[in-house]
Amino acid sequence: MIIVPASECALLDQTILHDYYFHWDGDPDGGPGGEGRGAVALGLVALCNHSRRPRARVRHNLAQGTLDLVALVTIAAGDEVTIDYNCPLWFAAEE
């Protein structure tokens, strides 16, 4: 993953990556902790689609500096790994 400084997240919001990066740390609402940094996911996390009934979740591993996929249910070979984006969706969700 690529950590984006808080001061550059507003610039990232003006690009196509706006809908594809995660809040990393700090207060996402701009409260006392500041707005915090962003994290552009690479690898498998970047390929996960949204589901209202996700098969996995993304764990912010601050100690390792990674976004980890954690299975919520048994995921069989060939099954799609889905996550809940935990944000207002910019598309019509289908299930």
PDB file of N, CA and C in Angstrom:
ATOM      1  N   MET A   1       0.833  -1.168   0.000  1.00  0.00           N
ATOM      2  CA  MET A   1       0.000   0.000   0.000  1.00  0.00           C
ATOM      3  C   MET A   1       0.876   1.228   0.000  1.00  0.00           C
ATOM      4  N   ILE A   2       0.296   2.316  -0.415  1.00  0.00           N
ATOM      5  CA  ILE A   2       0.997   3.593  -0.445  1.00  0.00           C
ATOM      6  C   ILE A   2       0.301   4.527   0.529  1.00  0.00           C
ATOM      7  N   ILE A   3       1.036   5.020   1.513  1.00  0.00           N
ATOM      8  CA  ILE A   3       0.488   5.972   2.479  1.00  0.00           C
ATOM      9  C   ILE A   3       0.529   7.362   1.850  1.00  0.00           C
ATOM     10  N   VAL A   4      -0.603   8.049   1.907  1.00  0.00           N
ATOM     11  CA  VAL A   4      -0.721   9.397   1.357  1.00  0.00           C
ATOM     12  C   VAL A   4      -0.802  10.381   2.517  1.00  0.00           C
ATOM     13  N   PRO A   5       0.100  11.357   2.583  1.00  0.00           N
ATOM     14  CA  PRO A   5       0.044  12.339   3.677  1.00  0.00           C
ATOM     15  C   PRO A   5      -1.306  13.059   3.703  1.00  0.00           C
ATOM     16  N   ALA A   6      -1.752  13.411   4.900  1.00  0.00           N
ATOM     17  CA  ALA A   6      -3.034  14.105   5.056  1.00  0.00           C
ATOM     18  C   ALA A   6      -3.106  15.351   4.177  1.00  0.00           C
ATOM     19  N   SER A   7      -1.986  16.046   4.050  1.00  0.00           N
ATOM     20  CA  SER A   7      -1.968  17.279   3.259  1.00  0.00           C
ATOM     21  C   SER A   7      -2.190  17.020   1.766  1.00  0.00           C
ATOM     22  N   GLU A   8      -2.040  15.772   1.311  1.00  0.00           N
ATOM     23  CA  GLU A   8      -2.210  15.443  -0.102  1.00  0.00           C
ATOM     24  C   GLU A   8      -3.511  14.709  -0.407  1.00  0.00           C
ATOM     25  N   CYS A   9      -4.275  14.339   0.627  1.00  0.00           N
ATOM     26  CA  CYS A   9      -5.527  13.616   0.391  1.00  0.00           C
ATOM     27  C   CYS A   9      -6.525  14.453  -0.397  1.00  0.00           C
ATOM     28  N   ALA A  10      -6.568  15.756  -0.157  1.00  0.00           N
ATOM     29  CA  ALA A  10      -7.481  16.613  -0.920  1.00  0.00           C
ATOM     30  C   ALA A  10      -7.130  16.584  -2.407  1.00  0.00           C
ATOM     31  N   LEU A  11      -5.850  16.488  -2.724  1.00  0.00           N
ATOM     32  CA  LEU A  11      -5.432  16.372  -4.127  1.00  0.00           C
ATOM     33  C   LEU A  11      -5.853  15.018  -4.695  1.00  0.00           C
ATOM     34  N   LEU A  12      -5.693  13.972  -3.905  1.00  0.00           N
ATOM     35  CA  LEU A  12      -6.096  12.641  -4.339  1.00  0.00           C
ATOM     36  C   LEU A  12      -7.597  12.590  -4.597  1.00  0.00           C
ATOM     37  N   ASP A  13      -8.362  13.349  -3.813  1.00  0.00           N
ATOM     38  CA  ASP A  13      -9.812  13.393  -3.985  1.00  0.00           C
ATOM     39  C   ASP A  13     -10.215  13.964  -5.342  1.00  0.00           C
ATOM     40  N   GLN A  14      -9.323  14.645  -6.002  1.00  0.00           N
ATOM     41  CA  GLN A  14      -9.616  15.244  -7.307  1.00  0.00           C
ATOM     42  C   GLN A  14      -9.203  14.329  -8.463  1.00  0.00           C
ATOM     43  N   THR A  15      -8.781  13.110  -8.137  1.00  0.00           N
ATOM     44  CA  THR A  15      -8.346  12.175  -9.171  1.00  0.00           C
ATOM     45  C   THR A  15      -9.281  10.976  -9.231  1.00  0.00           C
ATOM     46  N   ILE A  16      -9.022  10.099 -10.178  1.00  0.00           N
ATOM     47  CA  ILE A  16      -9.815   8.877 -10.307  1.00  0.00           C
ATOM     48  C   ILE A  16      -9.655   7.954  -9.091  1.00  0.00           C
ATOM     49  N   LEU A  17      -8.589   8.140  -8.323  1.00  0.00           N
ATOM     50  CA  LEU A  17      -8.363   7.312  -7.139  1.00  0.00           C
ATOM     51  C   LEU A  17      -9.239   7.706  -5.950  1.00  0.00           C
ATOM     52  N   HIS A  18     -10.015   8.781  -6.098  1.00  0.00           N
ATOM     53  CA  HIS A  18     -10.868   9.263  -5.005  1.00  0.00           C
ATOM     54  C   HIS A  18     -11.670   8.146  -4.353  1.00  0.00           C
ATOM     55  N   ASP A  19     -12.268   7.289  -5.146  1.00  0.00           N
ATOM     56  CA  ASP A  19     -13.139   6.246  -4.613  1.00  0.00           C
ATOM     57  C   ASP A  19     -12.395   4.955  -4.285  1.00  0.00           C
ATOM     58  N   TYR A  20     -11.085   4.976  -4.412  1.00  0.00           N
ATOM     59  CA  TYR A  20     -10.345   3.728  -4.281  1.00  0.00           C
ATOM     60  C   TYR A  20      -9.233   3.758  -3.235  1.00  0.00           C
ATOM     61  N   TYR A  21      -9.288   4.707  -2.336  1.00  0.00           N
ATOM     62  CA  TYR A  21      -8.302   4.672  -1.263  1.00  0.00           C
ATOM     63  C   TYR A  21      -8.998   4.644   0.084  1.00  0.00           C
ATOM     64  N   PHE A  22      -8.276   4.175   1.076  1.00  0.00           N
ATOM     65  CA  PHE A  22      -8.812   3.995   2.421  1.00  0.00           C
ATOM     66  C   PHE A  22      -8.346   5.122   3.335  1.00  0.00           C
ATOM     67  N   HIS A  23      -9.164   5.420   4.335  1.00  0.00           N
ATOM     68  CA  HIS A  23      -8.726   6.298   5.418  1.00  0.00           C
ATOM     69  C   HIS A  23      -7.733   5.474   6.236  1.00  0.00           C
ATOM     70  N   TRP A  24      -6.561   6.011   6.546  1.00  0.00           N
ATOM     71  CA  TRP A  24      -5.537   5.239   7.257  1.00  0.00           C
ATOM     72  C   TRP A  24      -5.514   5.527   8.754  1.00  0.00           C
ATOM     73  N   ASP A  25      -5.379   6.787   9.132  1.00  0.00           N
ATOM     74  CA  ASP A  25      -5.317   7.117  10.555  1.00  0.00           C
ATOM     75  C   ASP A  25      -5.874   8.512  10.790  1.00  0.00           C
ATOM     76  N   GLY A  26      -5.942   8.931  12.060  1.00  0.00           N
ATOM     77  CA  GLY A  26      -6.533  10.224  12.396  1.00  0.00           C
ATOM     78  C   GLY A  26      -8.048  10.138  12.367  1.00  0.00           C
ATOM     79  N   ASP A  27      -8.696  11.262  12.479  1.00  0.00           N
ATOM     80  CA  ASP A  27     -10.157  11.343  12.495  1.00  0.00           C
ATOM     81  C   ASP A  27     -10.659  11.578  11.077  1.00  0.00           C
ATOM     82  N   PRO A  28     -11.416  10.623  10.491  1.00  0.00           N
ATOM     83  CA  PRO A  28     -11.883  10.793   9.120  1.00  0.00           C
ATOM     84  C   PRO A  28     -12.834  11.967   8.950  1.00  0.00           C
ATOM     85  N   ASP A  29     -13.418  12.445  10.058  1.00  0.00           N
ATOM     86  CA  ASP A  29     -14.335  13.579   9.985  1.00  0.00           C
ATOM     87  C   ASP A  29     -13.652  14.902  10.280  1.00  0.00           C
ATOM     88  N   GLY A  30     -12.333  14.886  10.436  1.00  0.00           N
ATOM     89  CA  GLY A  30     -11.590  16.124  10.652  1.00  0.00           C
ATOM     90  C   GLY A  30     -11.660  16.659  12.063  1.00  0.00           C
ATOM     91  N   GLY A  31     -11.978  15.805  13.029  1.00  0.00           N
ATOM     92  CA  GLY A  31     -12.079  16.228  14.424  1.00  0.00           C
ATOM     93  C   GLY A  31     -10.721  16.471  15.057  1.00  0.00           C
ATOM     94  N   PRO A  32     -10.629  16.336  16.385  1.00  0.00           N
ATOM     95  CA  PRO A  32      -9.404  16.655  17.114  1.00  0.00           C
ATOM     96  C   PRO A  32      -8.153  15.925  16.621  1.00  0.00           C
ATOM     97  N   GLY A  33      -8.308  14.735  16.056  1.00  0.00           N
ATOM     98  CA  GLY A  33      -7.153  13.991  15.572  1.00  0.00           C
ATOM     99  C   GLY A  33      -6.669  14.435  14.201  1.00  0.00           C
ATOM    100  N   GLY A  34      -7.336  15.408  13.607  1.00  0.00           N
ATOM    101  CA  GLY A  34      -6.992  15.823  12.252  1.00  0.00           C
ATOM    102  C   GLY A  34      -7.624  14.891  11.241  1.00  0.00           C
ATOM    103  N   GLU A  35      -7.462  15.218   9.994  1.00  0.00           N
ATOM    104  CA  GLU A  35      -8.088  14.423   8.946  1.00  0.00           C
ATOM    105  C   GLU A  35      -7.392  13.091   8.727  1.00  0.00           C
ATOM    106  N   GLY A  36      -6.138  13.007   9.042  1.00  0.00           N
ATOM    107  CA  GLY A  36      -5.426  11.747   8.902  1.00  0.00           C
ATOM    108  C   GLY A  36      -4.955  11.475   7.488  1.00  0.00           C
ATOM    109  N   ARG A  37      -4.167  10.422   7.381  1.00  0.00           N
ATOM    110  CA  ARG A  37      -3.586  10.031   6.107  1.00  0.00           C
ATOM    111  C   ARG A  37      -4.489   9.057   5.363  1.00  0.00           C
ATOM    112  N   GLY A  38      -4.217   8.905   4.087  1.00  0.00           N
ATOM    113  CA  GLY A  38      -4.928   7.940   3.269  1.00  0.00           C
ATOM    114  C   GLY A  38      -4.016   6.772   2.946  1.00  0.00           C
ATOM    115  N   ALA A  39      -4.587   5.684   2.443  1.00  0.00           N
ATOM    116  CA  ALA A  39      -3.825   4.508   2.048  1.00  0.00           C
ATOM    117  C   ALA A  39      -4.374   3.988   0.728  1.00  0.00           C
ATOM    118  N   VAL A  40      -3.542   4.007  -0.295  1.00  0.00           N
ATOM    119  CA  VAL A  40      -3.914   3.435  -1.579  1.00  0.00           C
ATOM    120  C   VAL A  40      -3.545   1.955  -1.524  1.00  0.00           C
ATOM    121  N   ALA A  41      -4.555   1.106  -1.640  1.00  0.00           N
ATOM    122  CA  ALA A  41      -4.336  -0.338  -1.536  1.00  0.00           C
ATOM    123  C   ALA A  41      -3.710  -0.873  -2.816  1.00  0.00           C
ATOM    124  N   LEU A  42      -2.822  -1.824  -2.639  1.00  0.00           N
ATOM    125  CA  LEU A  42      -2.222  -2.550  -3.751  1.00  0.00           C
ATOM    126  C   LEU A  42      -2.522  -4.027  -3.534  1.00  0.00           C
ATOM    127  N   GLY A  43      -2.281  -4.850  -4.491  1.00  0.00           N
ATOM    128  CA  GLY A  43      -2.483  -6.285  -4.323  1.00  0.00           C
ATOM    129  C   GLY A  43      -3.946  -6.664  -4.237  1.00  0.00           C
ATOM    130  N   LEU A  44      -4.240  -7.724  -3.494  1.00  0.00           N
ATOM    131  CA  LEU A  44      -5.585  -8.289  -3.451  1.00  0.00           C
ATOM    132  C   LEU A  44      -6.630  -7.354  -2.860  1.00  0.00           C
ATOM    133  N   VAL A  45      -6.259  -6.544  -1.895  1.00  0.00           N
ATOM    134  CA  VAL A  45      -7.234  -5.630  -1.281  1.00  0.00           C
ATOM    135  C   VAL A  45      -7.829  -4.702  -2.346  1.00  0.00           C
ATOM    136  N   ALA A  46      -7.014  -4.283  -3.293  1.00  0.00           N
ATOM    137  CA  ALA A  46      -7.470  -3.377  -4.341  1.00  0.00           C
ATOM    138  C   ALA A  46      -8.480  -4.034  -5.281  1.00  0.00           C
ATOM    139  N   LEU A  47      -8.554  -5.353  -5.282  1.00  0.00           N
ATOM    140  CA  LEU A  47      -9.440  -6.070  -6.195  1.00  0.00           C
ATOM    141  C   LEU A  47     -10.780  -6.448  -5.575  1.00  0.00           C
ATOM    142  N   CYS A  48     -10.972  -6.173  -4.290  1.00  0.00           N
ATOM    143  CA  CYS A  48     -12.197  -6.585  -3.599  1.00  0.00           C
ATOM    144  C   CYS A  48     -13.360  -5.667  -3.939  1.00  0.00           C
ATOM    145  N   ASN A  49     -14.464  -6.275  -4.316  1.00  0.00           N
ATOM    146  CA  ASN A  49     -15.696  -5.533  -4.561  1.00  0.00           C
ATOM    147  C   ASN A  49     -16.479  -5.386  -3.263  1.00  0.00           C
ATOM    148  N   HIS A  50     -17.443  -4.450  -3.282  1.00  0.00           N
ATOM    149  CA  HIS A  50     -18.295  -4.198  -2.121  1.00  0.00           C
ATOM    150  C   HIS A  50     -19.412  -5.233  -2.044  1.00  0.00           C
ATOM    151  N   SER A  51     -19.797  -5.553  -0.825  1.00  0.00           N
ATOM    152  CA  SER A  51     -20.980  -6.367  -0.582  1.00  0.00           C
ATOM    153  C   SER A  51     -21.595  -5.934   0.734  1.00  0.00           C
ATOM    154  N   ARG A  52     -22.934  -5.954   0.787  1.00  0.00           N
ATOM    155  CA  ARG A  52     -23.607  -5.701   2.061  1.00  0.00           C
ATOM    156  C   ARG A  52     -23.468  -6.906   2.982  1.00  0.00           C
ATOM    157  N   ARG A  53     -23.090  -8.058   2.411  1.00  0.00           N
ATOM    158  CA  ARG A  53     -22.801  -9.272   3.187  1.00  0.00           C
ATOM    159  C   ARG A  53     -21.382  -9.714   2.820  1.00  0.00           C
ATOM    160  N   PRO A  54     -20.390  -8.978   3.302  1.00  0.00           N
ATOM    161  CA  PRO A  54     -19.009  -9.256   2.899  1.00  0.00           C
ATOM    162  C   PRO A  54     -18.492 -10.592   3.431  1.00  0.00           C
ATOM    163  N   ARG A  55     -17.565 -11.151   2.688  1.00  0.00           N
ATOM    164  CA  ARG A  55     -16.909 -12.392   3.108  1.00  0.00           C
ATOM    165  C   ARG A  55     -15.622 -12.102   3.874  1.00  0.00           C
ATOM    166  N   ALA A  56     -15.149 -10.859   3.799  1.00  0.00           N
ATOM    167  CA  ALA A  56     -13.916 -10.481   4.484  1.00  0.00           C
ATOM    168  C   ALA A  56     -14.027  -9.031   4.936  1.00  0.00           C
ATOM    169  N   ARG A  57     -13.066  -8.625   5.739  1.00  0.00           N
ATOM    170  CA  ARG A  57     -12.969  -7.222   6.133  1.00  0.00           C
ATOM    171  C   ARG A  57     -11.516  -6.798   5.979  1.00  0.00           C
ATOM    172  N   VAL A  58     -11.314  -5.493   5.908  1.00  0.00           N
ATOM    173  CA  VAL A  58      -9.958  -4.949   5.821  1.00  0.00           C
ATOM    174  C   VAL A  58      -9.557  -4.479   7.212  1.00  0.00           C
ATOM    175  N   ARG A  59      -8.423  -4.969   7.677  1.00  0.00           N
ATOM    176  CA  ARG A  59      -7.896  -4.563   8.980  1.00  0.00           C
ATOM    177  C   ARG A  59      -6.698  -3.651   8.748  1.00  0.00           C
ATOM    178  N   HIS A  60      -6.741  -2.488   9.383  1.00  0.00           N
ATOM    179  CA  HIS A  60      -5.610  -1.562   9.324  1.00  0.00           C
ATOM    180  C   HIS A  60      -4.549  -2.066  10.298  1.00  0.00           C
ATOM    181  N   ASN A  61      -3.450  -2.543   9.793  1.00  0.00           N
ATOM    182  CA  ASN A  61      -2.364  -3.043  10.630  1.00  0.00           C
ATOM    183  C   ASN A  61      -1.318  -1.932  10.713  1.00  0.00           C
ATOM    184  N   LEU A  62      -1.507  -1.035  11.689  1.00  0.00           N
ATOM    185  CA  LEU A  62      -0.628   0.124  11.820  1.00  0.00           C
ATOM    186  C   LEU A  62       0.808  -0.287  12.136  1.00  0.00           C
ATOM    187  N   ALA A  63       0.982  -1.351  12.923  1.00  0.00           N
ATOM    188  CA  ALA A  63       2.329  -1.784  13.297  1.00  0.00           C
ATOM    189  C   ALA A  63       3.130  -2.263  12.085  1.00  0.00           C
ATOM    190  N   GLN A  64       2.480  -2.955  11.167  1.00  0.00           N
ATOM    191  CA  GLN A  64       3.160  -3.487   9.994  1.00  0.00           C
ATOM    192  C   GLN A  64       3.057  -2.560   8.778  1.00  0.00           C
ATOM    193  N   GLY A  65       2.164  -1.560   8.864  1.00  0.00           N
ATOM    194  CA  GLY A  65       1.954  -0.659   7.731  1.00  0.00           C
ATOM    195  C   GLY A  65       1.286  -1.352   6.558  1.00  0.00           C
ATOM    196  N   THR A  66       0.312  -2.227   6.890  1.00  0.00           N
ATOM    197  CA  THR A  66      -0.380  -2.973   5.841  1.00  0.00           C
ATOM    198  C   THR A  66      -1.887  -2.895   6.019  1.00  0.00           C
ATOM    199  N   LEU A  67      -2.599  -3.165   4.945  1.00  0.00           N
ATOM    200  CA  LEU A  67      -4.034  -3.394   4.976  1.00  0.00           C
ATOM    201  C   LEU A  67      -4.204  -4.901   4.823  1.00  0.00           C
ATOM    202  N   ASP A  68      -4.725  -5.556   5.842  1.00  0.00           N
ATOM    203  CA  ASP A  68      -4.849  -7.011   5.838  1.00  0.00           C
ATOM    204  C   ASP A  68      -6.280  -7.427   5.548  1.00  0.00           C
ATOM    205  N   LEU A  69      -6.446  -8.450   4.721  1.00  0.00           N
ATOM    206  CA  LEU A  69      -7.758  -9.046   4.493  1.00  0.00           C
ATOM    207  C   LEU A  69      -7.968 -10.131   5.535  1.00  0.00           C
ATOM    208  N   VAL A  70      -9.090 -10.057   6.242  1.00  0.00           N
ATOM    209  CA  VAL A  70      -9.425 -11.042   7.269  1.00  0.00           C
ATOM    210  C   VAL A  70     -10.763 -11.661   6.881  1.00  0.00           C
ATOM    211  N   ALA A  71     -10.776 -12.985   6.696  1.00  0.00           N
ATOM    212  CA  ALA A  71     -12.006 -13.687   6.315  1.00  0.00           C
ATOM    213  C   ALA A  71     -13.020 -13.633   7.445  1.00  0.00           C
ATOM    214  N   LEU A  72     -14.274 -13.369   7.096  1.00  0.00           N
ATOM    215  CA  LEU A  72     -15.367 -13.383   8.065  1.00  0.00           C
ATOM    216  C   LEU A  72     -16.117 -14.710   8.019  1.00  0.00           C
ATOM    217  N   VAL A  73     -16.019 -15.398   6.887  1.00  0.00           N
ATOM    218  CA  VAL A  73     -16.640 -16.700   6.667  1.00  0.00           C
ATOM    219  C   VAL A  73     -15.633 -17.560   5.902  1.00  0.00           C
ATOM    220  N   THR A  74     -15.923 -18.828   5.785  1.00  0.00           N
ATOM    221  CA  THR A  74     -15.083 -19.688   4.963  1.00  0.00           C
ATOM    222  C   THR A  74     -15.243 -19.264   3.507  1.00  0.00           C
ATOM    223  N   ILE A  75     -14.122 -19.046   2.842  1.00  0.00           N
ATOM    224  CA  ILE A  75     -14.138 -18.632   1.438  1.00  0.00           C
ATOM    225  C   ILE A  75     -13.516 -19.768   0.631  1.00  0.00           C
ATOM    226  N   ALA A  76     -14.335 -20.399  -0.187  1.00  0.00           N
ATOM    227  CA  ALA A  76     -13.870 -21.525  -0.985  1.00  0.00           C
ATOM    228  C   ALA A  76     -13.090 -21.030  -2.196  1.00  0.00           C
ATOM    229  N   ALA A  77     -12.233 -21.871  -2.703  1.00  0.00           N
ATOM    230  CA  ALA A  77     -11.497 -21.552  -3.929  1.00  0.00           C
ATOM    231  C   ALA A  77     -12.494 -21.199  -5.020  1.00  0.00           C
ATOM    232  N   GLY A  78     -12.261 -20.101  -5.697  1.00  0.00           N
ATOM    233  CA  GLY A  78     -13.150 -19.649  -6.767  1.00  0.00           C
ATOM    234  C   GLY A  78     -14.216 -18.661  -6.313  1.00  0.00           C
ATOM    235  N   ASP A  79     -14.459 -18.552  -4.987  1.00  0.00           N
ATOM    236  CA  ASP A  79     -15.432 -17.579  -4.470  1.00  0.00           C
ATOM    237  C   ASP A  79     -14.825 -16.188  -4.505  1.00  0.00           C
ATOM    238  N   GLU A  80     -15.654 -15.199  -4.774  1.00  0.00           N
ATOM    239  CA  GLU A  80     -15.186 -13.812  -4.755  1.00  0.00           C
ATOM    240  C   GLU A  80     -14.975 -13.359  -3.319  1.00  0.00           C
ATOM    241  N   VAL A  81     -13.879 -12.668  -3.079  1.00  0.00           N
ATOM    242  CA  VAL A  81     -13.617 -12.069  -1.774  1.00  0.00           C
ATOM    243  C   VAL A  81     -14.196 -10.660  -1.814  1.00  0.00           C
ATOM    244  N   THR A  82     -15.208 -10.412  -0.982  1.00  0.00           N
ATOM    245  CA  THR A  82     -15.866  -9.109  -0.954  1.00  0.00           C
ATOM    246  C   THR A  82     -15.679  -8.469   0.415  1.00  0.00           C
ATOM    247  N   ILE A  83     -15.773  -7.128   0.424  1.00  0.00           N
ATOM    248  CA  ILE A  83     -15.657  -6.355   1.661  1.00  0.00           C
ATOM    249  C   ILE A  83     -16.770  -5.323   1.694  1.00  0.00           C
ATOM    250  N   ASP A  84     -17.036  -4.773   2.850  1.00  0.00           N
ATOM    251  CA  ASP A  84     -17.949  -3.639   2.995  1.00  0.00           C
ATOM    252  C   ASP A  84     -17.097  -2.385   2.926  1.00  0.00           C
ATOM    253  N   TYR A  85     -17.383  -1.504   1.972  1.00  0.00           N
ATOM    254  CA  TYR A  85     -16.567  -0.305   1.800  1.00  0.00           C
ATOM    255  C   TYR A  85     -16.703   0.679   2.966  1.00  0.00           C
ATOM    256  N   ASN A  86     -17.763   0.547   3.787  1.00  0.00           N
ATOM    257  CA  ASN A  86     -17.940   1.402   4.970  1.00  0.00           C
ATOM    258  C   ASN A  86     -17.899   2.887   4.640  1.00  0.00           C
ATOM    259  N   CYS A  87     -18.555   3.253   3.568  1.00  0.00           N
ATOM    260  CA  CYS A  87     -18.627   4.665   3.187  1.00  0.00           C
ATOM    261  C   CYS A  87     -19.860   4.849   2.317  1.00  0.00           C
ATOM    262  N   PRO A  88     -20.261   6.102   2.071  1.00  0.00           N
ATOM    263  CA  PRO A  88     -21.367   6.311   1.136  1.00  0.00           C
ATOM    264  C   PRO A  88     -20.962   5.770  -0.244  1.00  0.00           C
ATOM    265  N   LEU A  89     -21.830   4.961  -0.817  1.00  0.00           N
ATOM    266  CA  LEU A  89     -21.504   4.343  -2.100  1.00  0.00           C
ATOM    267  C   LEU A  89     -21.797   5.300  -3.257  1.00  0.00           C
ATOM    268  N   TRP A  90     -20.981   5.243  -4.272  1.00  0.00           N
ATOM    269  CA  TRP A  90     -21.109   6.094  -5.453  1.00  0.00           C
ATOM    270  C   TRP A  90     -21.709   5.315  -6.620  1.00  0.00           C
ATOM    271  N   PHE A  91     -22.284   4.133  -6.294  1.00  0.00           N
ATOM    272  CA  PHE A  91     -22.890   3.261  -7.294  1.00  0.00           C
ATOM    273  C   PHE A  91     -24.071   2.559  -6.649  1.00  0.00           C
ATOM    274  N   ALA A  92     -24.921   1.981  -7.462  1.00  0.00           N
ATOM    275  CA  ALA A  92     -26.070   1.226  -6.950  1.00  0.00           C
ATOM    276  C   ALA A  92     -25.591  -0.171  -6.578  1.00  0.00           C
ATOM    277  N   ALA A  93     -25.683  -0.506  -5.304  1.00  0.00           N
ATOM    278  CA  ALA A  93     -25.223  -1.821  -4.833  1.00  0.00           C
ATOM    279  C   ALA A  93     -26.205  -2.900  -5.274  1.00  0.00           C
ATOM    280  N   GLU A  94     -25.649  -4.003  -5.746  1.00  0.00           N
ATOM    281  CA  GLU A  94     -26.458  -5.146  -6.150  1.00  0.00           C
ATOM    282  C   GLU A  94     -26.067  -6.342  -5.313  1.00  0.00           C
ATOM    283  N   GLU A  95     -27.029  -7.194  -5.019  1.00  0.00           N
ATOM    284  CA  GLU A  95     -26.763  -8.439  -4.269  1.00  0.00           C
ATOM    285  C   GLU A  95     -27.592  -9.531  -4.876  1.00  0.00           C
TER     286      GLU A  95
END
